[in-house]
Amino acid sequence: MRGPLSASIHTAVITTLFTLLALFSAGTQAQGLSDQTISSFIDSLKAAEQLEPEFEDLSEDMDSQNDGTMPDFSRIFSDSLKELEGHQAYGQLEDLVQDHGFGSLEEWAATGDRIFQAWMAIEMEQQSPAAQQEMNAAMSEIENNPNMTAQQKAQMRAMMEGAMGAMQSASNAPPADIKAVRPHVDALREAGNY
């Protein structure tokens, strides 16, 4: 079957492949963290400090609900954003992030998740393997402490395992994100007051 129908199917397949290739390329480029995006995110964090009084009561609520587990460093902003929904300052924060070039709070939070995870990976890379040795020593100390009950040991073990899991989560940051964030570490530390 090599007639006009065959040629039109062939053309449709090629057109579809080129369209998919173009979409894939655009998606790949959109996923990169640019210097401008990282700088805009850091600037938005600094500007958000002005909203701090608006969030004091929410912060107290969140602290009282904290169950002692370590946060997931790969979703720290997205998870915090869920806690913020319905709060009166949500709209103010949304305006603020849009003023800094983000289309929505969700886009801002997803960008923040990536930046924070890469930043934590960089910080841990500078502290490893000492941090891992300290964690192992602390676990051993907990297990061998005669003054702790089995329940206390279990709670401490769970906390330590949570911390180790959080460290592992941070270390899984994409290498491209780590490379993009590395030049901004000092600015991130300053914005986070670390």
C-alpha atoms as a PDB file:
ATOM      1  CA  MET A   1       0.000   0.000   0.000  1.00  0.00           C
ATOM      2  CA  ARG A   2       2.114   2.855  -1.281  1.00  0.00           C
ATOM      3  CA  GLY A   3      -0.578   5.290  -2.420  1.00  0.00           C
ATOM      4  CA  PRO A   4      -1.573   8.776  -1.208  1.00  0.00           C
ATOM      5  CA  LEU A   5      -3.024   7.337   2.008  1.00  0.00           C
ATOM      6  CA  SER A   6       0.307   5.796   2.920  1.00  0.00           C
ATOM      7  CA  ALA A   7       2.102   9.092   2.271  1.00  0.00           C
ATOM      8  CA  SER A   8      -0.356  11.032   4.444  1.00  0.00           C
ATOM      9  CA  ILE A   9       0.057   8.526   7.315  1.00  0.00           C
ATOM     10  CA  HIS A  10       3.829   8.787   6.964  1.00  0.00           C
ATOM     11  CA  THR A  11       3.602  12.612   7.054  1.00  0.00           C
ATOM     12  CA  ALA A  12       1.297  12.486  10.105  1.00  0.00           C
ATOM     13  CA  VAL A  13       3.724  10.203  11.978  1.00  0.00           C
ATOM     14  CA  ILE A  14       6.702  12.447  11.176  1.00  0.00           C
ATOM     15  CA  THR A  15       4.747  15.568  12.176  1.00  0.00           C
ATOM     16  CA  THR A  16       3.731  13.915  15.456  1.00  0.00           C
ATOM     17  CA  LEU A  17       7.317  12.877  16.199  1.00  0.00           C
ATOM     18  CA  PHE A  18       8.613  16.401  15.566  1.00  0.00           C
ATOM     19  CA  THR A  19       5.874  17.862  17.787  1.00  0.00           C
ATOM     20  CA  LEU A  20       6.737  15.425  20.607  1.00  0.00           C
ATOM     21  CA  LEU A  21      10.431  16.176  20.206  1.00  0.00           C
ATOM     22  CA  ALA A  22       9.759  19.920  20.412  1.00  0.00           C
ATOM     23  CA  LEU A  23       7.607  19.456  23.539  1.00  0.00           C
ATOM     24  CA  PHE A  24      10.245  17.228  25.149  1.00  0.00           C
ATOM     25  CA  SER A  25      12.980  19.765  24.434  1.00  0.00           C
ATOM     26  CA  ALA A  26      10.899  22.631  25.840  1.00  0.00           C
ATOM     27  CA  GLY A  27      10.100  20.573  28.950  1.00  0.00           C
ATOM     28  CA  THR A  28      13.750  19.704  29.469  1.00  0.00           C
ATOM     29  CA  GLN A  29      14.776  23.364  29.234  1.00  0.00           C
ATOM     30  CA  ALA A  30      11.980  24.423  31.577  1.00  0.00           C
ATOM     31  CA  GLN A  31      13.274  22.016  34.192  1.00  0.00           C
ATOM     32  CA  GLY A  32      16.694  23.655  34.478  1.00  0.00           C
ATOM     33  CA  LEU A  33      17.324  26.045  37.358  1.00  0.00           C
ATOM     34  CA  SER A  34      18.713  29.257  35.933  1.00  0.00           C
ATOM     35  CA  ASP A  35      20.731  31.822  37.878  1.00  0.00           C
ATOM     36  CA  GLN A  36      17.842  34.259  37.423  1.00  0.00           C
ATOM     37  CA  THR A  37      15.289  31.795  38.832  1.00  0.00           C
ATOM     38  CA  ILE A  38      17.464  31.026  41.848  1.00  0.00           C
ATOM     39  CA  SER A  39      18.141  34.732  42.469  1.00  0.00           C
ATOM     40  CA  SER A  40      14.433  35.538  42.152  1.00  0.00           C
ATOM     41  CA  PHE A  41      13.607  32.800  44.636  1.00  0.00           C
ATOM     42  CA  ILE A  42      16.182  34.100  47.138  1.00  0.00           C
ATOM     43  CA  ASP A  43      14.873  37.653  46.683  1.00  0.00           C
ATOM     44  CA  SER A  44      11.327  36.402  47.310  1.00  0.00           C
ATOM     45  CA  LEU A  45      12.465  34.783  50.574  1.00  0.00           C
ATOM     46  CA  LYS A  46      13.996  38.057  51.721  1.00  0.00           C
ATOM     47  CA  ALA A  47      10.839  39.959  50.758  1.00  0.00           C
ATOM     48  CA  ALA A  48       8.673  37.386  52.570  1.00  0.00           C
ATOM     49  CA  GLU A  49      10.372  38.341  55.837  1.00  0.00           C
ATOM     50  CA  GLN A  50       8.167  41.458  55.763  1.00  0.00           C
ATOM     51  CA  LEU A  51       5.144  39.153  56.039  1.00  0.00           C
ATOM     52  CA  GLU A  52       6.544  37.440  59.135  1.00  0.00           C
ATOM     53  CA  PRO A  53       4.130  39.139  61.590  1.00  0.00           C
ATOM     54  CA  GLU A  54       1.234  37.813  59.475  1.00  0.00           C
ATOM     55  CA  PHE A  55       2.493  34.266  59.934  1.00  0.00           C
ATOM     56  CA  GLU A  56       3.271  34.272  63.660  1.00  0.00           C
ATOM     57  CA  ASP A  57       0.009  32.610  64.701  1.00  0.00           C
ATOM     58  CA  LEU A  58       0.317  30.069  61.884  1.00  0.00           C
ATOM     59  CA  SER A  59       3.895  29.316  62.913  1.00  0.00           C
ATOM     60  CA  GLU A  60       2.741  28.632  66.475  1.00  0.00           C
ATOM     61  CA  ASP A  61       0.013  26.287  65.169  1.00  0.00           C
ATOM     62  CA  MET A  62       2.522  24.439  62.985  1.00  0.00           C
ATOM     63  CA  ASP A  63       4.977  24.121  65.901  1.00  0.00           C
ATOM     64  CA  SER A  64       2.263  22.654  68.128  1.00  0.00           C
ATOM     65  CA  GLN A  65       1.387  20.097  65.402  1.00  0.00           C
ATOM     66  CA  ASN A  66       5.016  19.064  64.846  1.00  0.00           C
ATOM     67  CA  ASP A  67       5.303  15.360  65.654  1.00  0.00           C
ATOM     68  CA  GLY A  68       9.093  15.393  65.887  1.00  0.00           C
ATOM     69  CA  THR A  69       9.672  13.807  62.483  1.00  0.00           C
ATOM     70  CA  MET A  70      12.215  15.239  60.100  1.00  0.00           C
ATOM     71  CA  PRO A  71      10.832  17.093  57.091  1.00  0.00           C
ATOM     72  CA  ASP A  72      11.217  15.740  53.580  1.00  0.00           C
ATOM     73  CA  PHE A  73      13.887  18.067  52.193  1.00  0.00           C
ATOM     74  CA  SER A  74      12.747  17.314  48.657  1.00  0.00           C
ATOM     75  CA  ARG A  75       9.285  18.837  49.394  1.00  0.00           C
ATOM     76  CA  ILE A  76       9.902  21.295  52.195  1.00  0.00           C
ATOM     77  CA  PHE A  77       8.278  24.312  50.516  1.00  0.00           C
ATOM     78  CA  SER A  78       5.439  22.373  48.896  1.00  0.00           C
ATOM     79  CA  ASP A  79       4.570  20.728  52.218  1.00  0.00           C
ATOM     80  CA  SER A  80       4.712  24.085  54.029  1.00  0.00           C
ATOM     81  CA  LEU A  81       2.473  25.607  51.374  1.00  0.00           C
ATOM     82  CA  LYS A  82      -0.206  23.012  52.145  1.00  0.00           C
ATOM     83  CA  GLU A  83      -0.140  24.145  55.772  1.00  0.00           C
ATOM     84  CA  LEU A  84      -0.574  27.730  54.630  1.00  0.00           C
ATOM     85  CA  GLU A  85      -3.695  27.203  52.509  1.00  0.00           C
ATOM     86  CA  GLY A  86      -6.699  29.010  53.921  1.00  0.00           C
ATOM     87  CA  HIS A  87      -4.581  31.418  55.973  1.00  0.00           C
ATOM     88  CA  GLN A  88      -5.210  35.123  55.409  1.00  0.00           C
ATOM     89  CA  ALA A  89      -1.604  35.797  54.378  1.00  0.00           C
ATOM     90  CA  TYR A  90      -1.742  33.159  51.597  1.00  0.00           C
ATOM     91  CA  GLY A  91      -2.907  35.754  49.070  1.00  0.00           C
ATOM     92  CA  GLN A  92      -0.219  38.212  50.167  1.00  0.00           C
ATOM     93  CA  LEU A  93       2.470  35.590  49.667  1.00  0.00           C
ATOM     94  CA  GLU A  94       1.024  34.700  46.276  1.00  0.00           C
ATOM     95  CA  ASP A  95       1.200  38.354  45.194  1.00  0.00           C
ATOM     96  CA  LEU A  96       4.768  38.555  46.481  1.00  0.00           C
ATOM     97  CA  VAL A  97       6.005  35.517  44.551  1.00  0.00           C
ATOM     98  CA  GLN A  98       4.254  36.685  41.393  1.00  0.00           C
ATOM     99  CA  ASP A  99       6.054  40.034  41.769  1.00  0.00           C
ATOM    100  CA  HIS A 100       9.283  37.994  41.708  1.00  0.00           C
ATOM    101  CA  GLY A 101       8.447  36.278  38.426  1.00  0.00           C
ATOM    102  CA  PHE A 102       6.704  33.090  39.549  1.00  0.00           C
ATOM    103  CA  GLY A 103       3.386  32.181  37.941  1.00  0.00           C
ATOM    104  CA  SER A 104       1.877  30.755  41.130  1.00  0.00           C
ATOM    105  CA  LEU A 105       2.667  29.748  44.679  1.00  0.00           C
ATOM    106  CA  GLU A 106       2.804  26.122  43.541  1.00  0.00           C
ATOM    107  CA  GLU A 107       5.472  26.954  40.933  1.00  0.00           C
ATOM    108  CA  TRP A 108       7.399  28.959  43.536  1.00  0.00           C
ATOM    109  CA  ALA A 109       7.188  26.134  46.087  1.00  0.00           C
ATOM    110  CA  ALA A 110       8.295  23.495  43.546  1.00  0.00           C
ATOM    111  CA  THR A 111      11.269  25.705  42.634  1.00  0.00           C
ATOM    112  CA  GLY A 112      12.044  26.196  46.314  1.00  0.00           C
ATOM    113  CA  ASP A 113      11.915  22.441  46.894  1.00  0.00           C
ATOM    114  CA  ARG A 114      14.549  21.885  44.221  1.00  0.00           C
ATOM    115  CA  ILE A 115      16.765  24.738  45.404  1.00  0.00           C
ATOM    116  CA  PHE A 116      16.554  23.700  49.063  1.00  0.00           C
ATOM    117  CA  GLN A 117      17.235  20.027  48.310  1.00  0.00           C
ATOM    118  CA  ALA A 118      20.290  20.949  46.214  1.00  0.00           C
ATOM    119  CA  TRP A 119      21.484  23.351  48.917  1.00  0.00           C
ATOM    120  CA  MET A 120      21.161  20.670  51.614  1.00  0.00           C
ATOM    121  CA  ALA A 121      23.063  18.231  49.383  1.00  0.00           C
ATOM    122  CA  ILE A 122      25.874  20.784  49.052  1.00  0.00           C
ATOM    123  CA  GLU A 123      25.946  21.414  52.815  1.00  0.00           C
ATOM    124  CA  MET A 124      26.022  17.683  53.575  1.00  0.00           C
ATOM    125  CA  GLU A 125      28.695  17.063  50.969  1.00  0.00           C
ATOM    126  CA  GLN A 126      30.881  19.535  52.885  1.00  0.00           C
ATOM    127  CA  GLN A 127      30.184  17.812  56.221  1.00  0.00           C
ATOM    128  CA  SER A 128      30.328  14.160  55.141  1.00  0.00           C
ATOM    129  CA  PRO A 129      31.641  11.693  56.157  1.00  0.00           C
ATOM    130  CA  ALA A 130      31.948  13.319  59.597  1.00  0.00           C
ATOM    131  CA  ALA A 131      28.162  13.777  59.827  1.00  0.00           C
ATOM    132  CA  GLN A 132      27.550  10.116  59.038  1.00  0.00           C
ATOM    133  CA  GLN A 133      30.117   9.065  61.662  1.00  0.00           C
ATOM    134  CA  GLU A 134      28.436  11.305  64.245  1.00  0.00           C
ATOM    135  CA  MET A 135      25.042   9.798  63.431  1.00  0.00           C
ATOM    136  CA  ASN A 136      26.398   6.257  63.774  1.00  0.00           C
ATOM    137  CA  ALA A 137      28.089   7.148  67.082  1.00  0.00           C
ATOM    138  CA  ALA A 138      24.861   8.693  68.398  1.00  0.00           C
ATOM    139  CA  MET A 139      22.880   5.577  67.404  1.00  0.00           C
ATOM    140  CA  SER A 140      25.403   3.371  69.196  1.00  0.00           C
ATOM    141  CA  GLU A 141      25.264   5.584  72.290  1.00  0.00           C
ATOM    142  CA  ILE A 142      21.460   5.373  72.346  1.00  0.00           C
ATOM    143  CA  GLU A 143      21.464   1.582  72.012  1.00  0.00           C
ATOM    144  CA  ASN A 144      24.069   1.165  74.778  1.00  0.00           C
ATOM    145  CA  ASN A 145      22.588   3.668  77.246  1.00  0.00           C
ATOM    146  CA  PRO A 146      21.495   1.714  80.361  1.00  0.00           C
ATOM    147  CA  ASN A 147      19.514   4.704  81.681  1.00  0.00           C
ATOM    148  CA  MET A 148      17.025   4.736  78.797  1.00  0.00           C
ATOM    149  CA  THR A 149      13.917   2.591  78.631  1.00  0.00           C
ATOM    150  CA  ALA A 150      13.188   0.472  75.557  1.00  0.00           C
ATOM    151  CA  GLN A 151      10.460   2.963  74.622  1.00  0.00           C
ATOM    152  CA  GLN A 152      12.846   5.930  74.894  1.00  0.00           C
ATOM    153  CA  LYS A 153      15.406   4.080  72.794  1.00  0.00           C
ATOM    154  CA  ALA A 154      12.756   3.325  70.178  1.00  0.00           C
ATOM    155  CA  GLN A 155      11.724   6.994  70.050  1.00  0.00           C
ATOM    156  CA  MET A 156      15.325   8.170  69.739  1.00  0.00           C
ATOM    157  CA  ARG A 157      16.043   5.501  67.125  1.00  0.00           C
ATOM    158  CA  ALA A 158      13.019   6.661  65.108  1.00  0.00           C
ATOM    159  CA  MET A 159      14.193  10.276  65.304  1.00  0.00           C
ATOM    160  CA  MET A 160      17.717   9.349  64.228  1.00  0.00           C
ATOM    161  CA  GLU A 161      16.408   7.192  61.379  1.00  0.00           C
ATOM    162  CA  GLY A 162      14.223  10.121  60.322  1.00  0.00           C
ATOM    163  CA  ALA A 163      17.254  12.410  60.309  1.00  0.00           C
ATOM    164  CA  MET A 164      19.248   9.884  58.303  1.00  0.00           C
ATOM    165  CA  GLY A 165      16.362   9.537  55.861  1.00  0.00           C
ATOM    166  CA  ALA A 166      16.187  13.317  55.499  1.00  0.00           C
ATOM    167  CA  MET A 167      19.917  13.410  54.799  1.00  0.00           C
ATOM    168  CA  GLN A 168      19.502  10.672  52.187  1.00  0.00           C
ATOM    169  CA  SER A 169      16.596  12.573  50.605  1.00  0.00           C
ATOM    170  CA  ALA A 170      18.714  15.698  50.328  1.00  0.00           C
ATOM    171  CA  SER A 171      21.618  13.804  48.833  1.00  0.00           C
ATOM    172  CA  ASN A 172      19.353  12.634  45.982  1.00  0.00           C
ATOM    173  CA  ALA A 173      19.218  16.123  44.469  1.00  0.00           C
ATOM    174  CA  PRO A 174      19.811  16.112  40.709  1.00  0.00           C
ATOM    175  CA  PRO A 175      23.448  16.941  39.839  1.00  0.00           C
ATOM    176  CA  ALA A 176      22.298  19.727  37.488  1.00  0.00           C
ATOM    177  CA  ASP A 177      20.385  21.390  40.354  1.00  0.00           C
ATOM    178  CA  ILE A 178      23.413  21.100  42.649  1.00  0.00           C
ATOM    179  CA  LYS A 179      25.621  22.689  39.996  1.00  0.00           C
ATOM    180  CA  ALA A 180      23.114  25.526  39.458  1.00  0.00           C
ATOM    181  CA  VAL A 181      22.653  26.207  43.195  1.00  0.00           C
ATOM    182  CA  ARG A 182      26.330  25.984  44.241  1.00  0.00           C
ATOM    183  CA  PRO A 183      27.203  29.634  43.307  1.00  0.00           C
ATOM    184  CA  HIS A 184      24.220  30.827  45.395  1.00  0.00           C
ATOM    185  CA  VAL A 185      25.003  29.029  48.674  1.00  0.00           C
ATOM    186  CA  ASP A 186      26.227  32.164  50.475  1.00  0.00           C
ATOM    187  CA  ALA A 187      23.113  34.088  49.419  1.00  0.00           C
ATOM    188  CA  LEU A 188      20.911  31.199  50.598  1.00  0.00           C
ATOM    189  CA  ARG A 189      22.698  31.088  53.949  1.00  0.00           C
ATOM    190  CA  GLU A 190      22.206  34.828  54.300  1.00  0.00           C
ATOM    191  CA  ALA A 191      18.518  34.604  53.368  1.00  0.00           C
ATOM    192  CA  GLY A 192      18.033  31.755  55.829  1.00  0.00           C
ATOM    193  CA  ASN A 193      20.173  33.449  58.499  1.00  0.00           C
ATOM    194  CA  TYR A 194      22.435  30.369  58.763  1.00  0.00           C
END
